[in-house]
Amino acid sequence: MVKKKKSKDISEEKIFTEDQINLIKRMNRILGQVQGVKKMIEDERSCMEILSQISAIKSALDGVAMIILENEAGRCFQSAIEKNQNKEQALKEFITMIRKYTK
């Protein structure tokens, strides 16, 4: 399903898929967490509390990355099948992408 979402510039409308909308929501929550950590630092909260929140942010970002990788895997291989392309090359490209992410 595709939804329209108005951007800040009224003359410009963007169309987002459900997956994109869900990822944007996740990223907005992560941004809120990052802002919360900034405030914790400003308020001189304990090191353990701050590090705990940073760990949660890292986990949340890893979750977003995995969703993107899963979606890309599906697109990558579906495209290779539909276009009758070399599936081994598609797999190699996907593995390269995973390696870049996990560095």
Foldseek 3Di string as FASTA:
>chain_A
DKDWDADPPNVDIDIDDPLRVVLVVLVVVLVVLVVVLVVCVVVVHDPVVSVVSVVVSVVSVVVSVVSVLVVVLVVLQVVCVVVVHDNVVSVVVSVVVVVVVVD
